C-alpha atoms as a PDB file:
ATOM      1  CA  MET A   1      -2.960 -27.544  -0.417  1.00  0.00           C
ATOM      2  CA  MET A   2      -0.091 -27.223   2.044  1.00  0.00           C
ATOM      3  CA  ASN A   3      -0.603 -28.077   5.710  1.00  0.00           C
ATOM      4  CA  PRO A   4      -0.860 -24.812   7.746  1.00  0.00           C
ATOM      5  CA  LEU A   5       1.759 -26.118  10.198  1.00  0.00           C
ATOM      6  CA  HIS A   6       4.230 -26.475   7.324  1.00  0.00           C
ATOM      7  CA  ARG A   7       3.557 -22.890   6.247  1.00  0.00           C
ATOM      8  CA  GLY A   8       4.357 -21.760   9.781  1.00  0.00           C
ATOM      9  CA  LYS A   9       7.638 -23.679   9.698  1.00  0.00           C
ATOM     10  CA  LEU A  10       8.483 -21.993   6.392  1.00  0.00           C
ATOM     11  CA  SER A  11       8.008 -18.593   8.048  1.00  0.00           C
ATOM     12  CA  GLU A  12      10.287 -19.677  10.897  1.00  0.00           C
ATOM     13  CA  LYS A  13      12.958 -20.686   8.366  1.00  0.00           C
ATOM     14  CA  PHE A  14      12.513 -17.380   6.512  1.00  0.00           C
ATOM     15  CA  PHE A  15      13.047 -15.441   9.756  1.00  0.00           C
ATOM     16  CA  GLU A  16      16.097 -17.552  10.611  1.00  0.00           C
ATOM     17  CA  HIS A  17      17.583 -16.912   7.160  1.00  0.00           C
ATOM     18  CA  GLU A  18      17.031 -13.142   7.398  1.00  0.00           C
ATOM     19  CA  TYR A  19      18.287 -13.034  11.006  1.00  0.00           C
ATOM     20  CA  TYR A  20      21.636 -14.557  10.068  1.00  0.00           C
ATOM     21  CA  LYS A  21      22.064 -11.993   7.275  1.00  0.00           C
ATOM     22  CA  VAL A  22      22.041  -9.275   9.955  1.00  0.00           C
ATOM     23  CA  ILE A  23      23.658 -11.035  12.930  1.00  0.00           C
ATOM     24  CA  ASP A  24      27.263 -12.043  12.430  1.00  0.00           C
ATOM     25  CA  ASN A  25      28.312 -12.945  15.988  1.00  0.00           C
ATOM     26  CA  LEU A  26      27.778 -16.603  16.909  1.00  0.00           C
ATOM     27  CA  GLU A  27      27.049 -15.581  20.500  1.00  0.00           C
ATOM     28  CA  TYR A  28      23.675 -14.433  19.143  1.00  0.00           C
ATOM     29  CA  GLN A  29      22.804 -17.727  17.460  1.00  0.00           C
ATOM     30  CA  LEU A  30      19.203 -18.916  17.501  1.00  0.00           C
ATOM     31  CA  LEU A  31      18.405 -21.996  19.540  1.00  0.00           C
ATOM     32  CA  PRO A  32      15.152 -23.907  18.967  1.00  0.00           C
ATOM     33  CA  PRO A  33      13.257 -25.335  21.957  1.00  0.00           C
ATOM     34  CA  GLN A  34      13.363 -29.079  22.595  1.00  0.00           C
ATOM     35  CA  ILE A  35       9.559 -29.116  22.777  1.00  0.00           C
ATOM     36  CA  ASP A  36       6.981 -26.513  21.713  1.00  0.00           C
ATOM     37  CA  ILE A  37       6.514 -24.384  24.828  1.00  0.00           C
ATOM     38  CA  GLY A  38       5.310 -21.114  23.302  1.00  0.00           C
ATOM     39  CA  TRP A  39       8.382 -19.754  21.532  1.00  0.00           C
ATOM     40  CA  ASP A  40      10.246 -20.756  18.379  1.00  0.00           C
ATOM     41  CA  PHE A  41      13.768 -19.467  19.015  1.00  0.00           C
ATOM     42  CA  LEU A  42      15.942 -18.414  21.934  1.00  0.00           C
ATOM     43  CA  ILE A  43      18.870 -16.058  21.378  1.00  0.00           C
ATOM     44  CA  ALA A  44      21.862 -17.730  23.025  1.00  0.00           C
ATOM     45  CA  LYS A  45      23.574 -14.593  24.383  1.00  0.00           C
ATOM     46  CA  THR A  46      20.559 -12.576  25.546  1.00  0.00           C
ATOM     47  CA  GLY A  47      18.032 -15.275  26.432  1.00  0.00           C
ATOM     48  CA  LYS A  48      15.343 -13.432  24.458  1.00  0.00           C
ATOM     49  CA  ARG A  49      12.537 -15.744  23.312  1.00  0.00           C
ATOM     50  CA  ILE A  50      11.035 -15.230  19.867  1.00  0.00           C
ATOM     51  CA  GLN A  51       7.680 -16.427  18.540  1.00  0.00           C
ATOM     52  CA  VAL A  52       7.228 -16.367  14.744  1.00  0.00           C
ATOM     53  CA  LYS A  53       3.768 -15.989  13.213  1.00  0.00           C
ATOM     54  CA  ARG A  54       2.814 -16.101   9.547  1.00  0.00           C
ATOM     55  CA  PHE A  55       0.470 -13.415   8.234  1.00  0.00           C
ATOM     56  CA  THR A  56      -1.245 -13.766   4.876  1.00  0.00           C
ATOM     57  CA  PRO A  57      -3.704 -10.934   4.177  1.00  0.00           C
ATOM     58  CA  GLN A  58      -6.995 -12.241   2.864  1.00  0.00           C
ATOM     59  CA  GLY A  59      -9.351  -9.766   1.260  1.00  0.00           C
ATOM     60  CA  LYS A  60     -12.371 -11.977   1.926  1.00  0.00           C
ATOM     61  CA  ARG A  61     -12.047 -11.823   5.706  1.00  0.00           C
ATOM     62  CA  TYR A  62     -13.970  -9.324   7.841  1.00  0.00           C
ATOM     63  CA  ASN A  63     -10.687  -7.608   8.739  1.00  0.00           C
ATOM     64  CA  PRO A  64      -7.852  -8.693   6.421  1.00  0.00           C
ATOM     65  CA  ASN A  65      -5.378  -6.643   8.493  1.00  0.00           C
ATOM     66  CA  THR A  66      -5.733  -8.778  11.651  1.00  0.00           C
ATOM     67  CA  LEU A  67      -3.313 -11.426  12.908  1.00  0.00           C
ATOM     68  CA  ASP A  68      -4.725 -14.177  15.111  1.00  0.00           C
ATOM     69  CA  LEU A  69      -2.462 -14.527  18.170  1.00  0.00           C
ATOM     70  CA  ARG A  70      -4.009 -17.702  19.555  1.00  0.00           C
ATOM     71  CA  ARG A  71      -1.969 -20.899  19.756  1.00  0.00           C
ATOM     72  CA  LYS A  72      -2.289 -23.180  16.756  1.00  0.00           C
ATOM     73  CA  ARG A  73       0.017 -26.175  17.255  1.00  0.00           C
ATOM     74  CA  ASN A  74      -0.790 -27.069  20.835  1.00  0.00           C
ATOM     75  CA  LYS A  75      -4.518 -26.595  20.945  1.00  0.00           C
ATOM     76  CA  GLY A  76      -5.900 -27.120  24.390  1.00  0.00           C
ATOM     77  CA  THR A  77      -2.978 -25.409  26.093  1.00  0.00           C
ATOM     78  CA  GLY A  78      -4.873 -22.112  26.262  1.00  0.00           C
ATOM     79  CA  ASN A  79      -4.077 -18.731  24.823  1.00  0.00           C
ATOM     80  CA  TYR A  80      -0.777 -16.975  25.363  1.00  0.00           C
ATOM     81  CA  THR A  81      -0.418 -15.365  28.777  1.00  0.00           C
ATOM     82  CA  GLY A  82       2.372 -12.929  27.906  1.00  0.00           C
ATOM     83  CA  LYS A  83       5.063 -14.940  29.668  1.00  0.00           C
ATOM     84  CA  GLU A  84       5.889 -17.423  26.882  1.00  0.00           C
ATOM     85  CA  PHE A  85       7.964 -15.142  24.621  1.00  0.00           C
ATOM     86  CA  ASP A  86       9.606 -11.718  24.595  1.00  0.00           C
ATOM     87  CA  TYR A  87       9.283 -10.769  20.916  1.00  0.00           C
ATOM     88  CA  LEU A  88       6.826 -11.577  18.175  1.00  0.00           C
ATOM     89  CA  VAL A  89       8.087 -11.784  14.615  1.00  0.00           C
ATOM     90  CA  VAL A  90       5.375 -11.498  11.983  1.00  0.00           C
ATOM     91  CA  HIS A  91       6.188 -12.757   8.493  1.00  0.00           C
ATOM     92  CA  ASN A  92       3.944 -10.797   6.125  1.00  0.00           C
ATOM     93  CA  THR A  93       3.765 -13.106   3.126  1.00  0.00           C
ATOM     94  CA  SER A  94       2.313 -10.466   0.807  1.00  0.00           C
ATOM     95  CA  ASN A  95       5.637  -8.587   0.685  1.00  0.00           C
ATOM     96  CA  ASN A  96       8.015 -10.819   2.721  1.00  0.00           C
ATOM     97  CA  ASP A  97       8.397  -8.150   5.403  1.00  0.00           C
ATOM     98  CA  LEU A  98       9.351  -9.184   8.911  1.00  0.00           C
ATOM     99  CA  ILE A  99       7.803  -7.143  11.706  1.00  0.00           C
ATOM    100  CA  ILE A 100       9.583  -7.493  15.042  1.00  0.00           C
ATOM    101  CA  ALA A 101       7.486  -6.361  18.006  1.00  0.00           C
ATOM    102  CA  SER A 102       8.013  -6.606  21.757  1.00  0.00           C
ATOM    103  CA  ILE A 103       5.463  -8.455  23.848  1.00  0.00           C
ATOM    104  CA  ASP A 104       4.348  -5.122  25.323  1.00  0.00           C
ATOM    105  CA  GLN A 105       2.745  -4.196  21.990  1.00  0.00           C
ATOM    106  CA  LEU A 106       0.525  -7.285  22.239  1.00  0.00           C
ATOM    107  CA  LYS A 107      -0.898  -6.622  25.683  1.00  0.00           C
ATOM    108  CA  LYS A 108      -4.112  -4.866  26.623  1.00  0.00           C
ATOM    109  CA  GLU A 109      -4.133  -2.006  29.111  1.00  0.00           C
ATOM    110  CA  ASP A 110      -4.797  -4.463  31.953  1.00  0.00           C
ATOM    111  CA  GLY A 111      -1.669  -6.474  31.028  1.00  0.00           C
ATOM    112  CA  THR A 112      -3.450  -9.481  29.520  1.00  0.00           C
ATOM    113  CA  MET A 113      -2.641 -10.688  26.019  1.00  0.00           C
ATOM    114  CA  ARG A 114      -4.761  -9.811  23.013  1.00  0.00           C
ATOM    115  CA  THR A 115      -6.021 -12.718  20.913  1.00  0.00           C
ATOM    116  CA  SER A 116      -5.623 -10.713  17.697  1.00  0.00           C
ATOM    117  CA  ILE A 117      -3.840  -7.555  16.588  1.00  0.00           C
ATOM    118  CA  SER A 118      -3.813  -5.253  13.564  1.00  0.00           C
ATOM    119  CA  ILE A 119      -0.657  -5.483  11.512  1.00  0.00           C
ATOM    120  CA  CYS A 120      -0.974  -2.076   9.824  1.00  0.00           C
ATOM    121  CA  PRO A 121      -2.401   1.200  11.125  1.00  0.00           C
ATOM    122  CA  THR A 122      -6.195   1.435  11.215  1.00  0.00           C
ATOM    123  CA  GLN A 123      -8.746   3.969  12.421  1.00  0.00           C
ATOM    124  CA  ARG A 124      -8.697   2.252  15.822  1.00  0.00           C
ATOM    125  CA  GLY A 125      -4.951   1.919  16.316  1.00  0.00           C
ATOM    126  CA  ASN A 126      -1.392   2.169  15.095  1.00  0.00           C
ATOM    127  CA  GLY A 127      -0.924  -1.508  14.305  1.00  0.00           C
ATOM    128  CA  LEU A 128       2.366  -3.184  15.138  1.00  0.00           C
ATOM    129  CA  ILE A 129       5.439  -0.990  15.229  1.00  0.00           C
ATOM    130  CA  ASN A 130       8.434  -2.726  13.675  1.00  0.00           C
ATOM    131  CA  GLU A 131      11.286  -2.471  16.181  1.00  0.00           C
ATOM    132  CA  GLY A 132      13.745  -4.119  13.792  1.00  0.00           C
ATOM    133  CA  PHE A 133      16.499  -6.669  14.297  1.00  0.00           C
ATOM    134  CA  ALA A 134      18.538  -4.316  16.522  1.00  0.00           C
ATOM    135  CA  VAL A 135      16.231  -4.915  19.514  1.00  0.00           C
ATOM    136  CA  LEU A 136      17.119  -8.591  19.447  1.00  0.00           C
ATOM    137  CA  LYS A 137      20.802  -7.806  20.023  1.00  0.00           C
ATOM    138  CA  ALA A 138      20.288  -5.326  22.873  1.00  0.00           C
END
């Protein structure tokens, strides 16, 4: 069985590969952080910070549509506050879709971060709205 951290790195590489298919200007290159501080890539020209999460639907779970937004690599550093990154990229491994969502979609009404979010629409909400690669260039 593969280490979960390695699976996360594979999703980061998948995003990077797909990003460079769409972005052709080197001013928009992706820069990794020197240490893990809550984002996986920084866009050189815009300064936008991107966090990549892997989502594998599991039919056995209570809600197979939910993505856990809590930190995994640096346990003990607390949950995300909403200041660590600007965009979340979700790699849905069931169909290799990439969902690009602004941090605002991940916040509760009081401005605090959710610890989980629905990927697809449910009875309780719309799920994440894919804003696409274009928002990363703006």
